[in-house]
Amino acid sequence: MSDEISELPTTYRYFGQQFQLWRQAAQVRRETVAEATSYSVDMVKSVEQGRRKVPARMAEIADEMFGAKGILLAGLSHLKRDKFPVRAQDFILYEDRAIVLNSYEISLIPGLLQTEEYATVLMRGWCPPLDEETIAERVAARMERQALLTRTPPAAFNFVIHEAALRMSIGGPEVRHKQLLRLLEVGSLWNVSLHVLTYERTVTPALDGPMVLLETAEHEHFVFLEGQSQSQLTSDPDEVSTQTQRYGMIRGEALDSAESARFIERMADEG
């Protein structure tokens, strides 16, 4: 499956498949649907591929034309955008169940620690571009995730953030300053441990990219690795062991919590 298709809303893709199956079973051509609904053939094709939300008029006419007896229409109320990119949805499910989360980021502030302004700037810089509705929904979903930090029963969070991510001026000085203050706020929570890996203390494993290590209440262990356009969530013992060792090396070189807080305070004061 291509990256483009995998990023489409799951509900759009599912409805599109059902639409196509009903059309084929009724032996109706796309051209016929297009003519009857006053939409283009490309629009019908886009609906079937899940690239476009089906217009209500098309669904109503197609339901009768295919003899679906209301089944297609029943799916309209379930058509909504995914809160998260498809490639991250499995990770989000396990993140919600985690009792321990260890995170390392080299160039960005972790999503659980981002301010709304910082997250919005990142979403608006997405390539290919996202529409404003999608941006608003995904930023809101990211903010909702942050409730994990203070939920009951609590989970233990350990964040290591590379100095490069702190110095990156995402959104300009004001957004960066507010983001630094947010890190200090979250870092003061009793169940959150926040550490800075400075340039001077950087070790080779820290250059290989971000990672998140999860442990669930059932003591399942996962590692989540994210790249430019692909992500990997795995419970493979060898991979989990390898990344755990690398995280340990990174965490061992990072500043402790108190030193990290003072480091971030100085950066915030410098502006």
Foldseek 3Di string as FASTA:
>chain_A
DDLVLQQFFPLQQVLLCVLVVLCVVQPHDLCNLCVVQVHDSVVNVCSNSSNDQDDLSSQVVSCVSSVVVCPSVVSNVVDDGDLDGSQCVVVLVQLLQFQEKEKEAEAADDLLQADLLLQLLVLCPDPVHDDPVSSVSNSVVSPVSNVQLVDPVHHAYEYEYEVNRLPDQRPHDVRSLVSLVSCLVSCPDPRYWYWYQYPVLDDDLSVPGMKMWGQGPVRQIWMWGDDDRHIDIDSPVVVRVVVVVSSVSRVVSTDGRVVRSVVSVVVSVVD
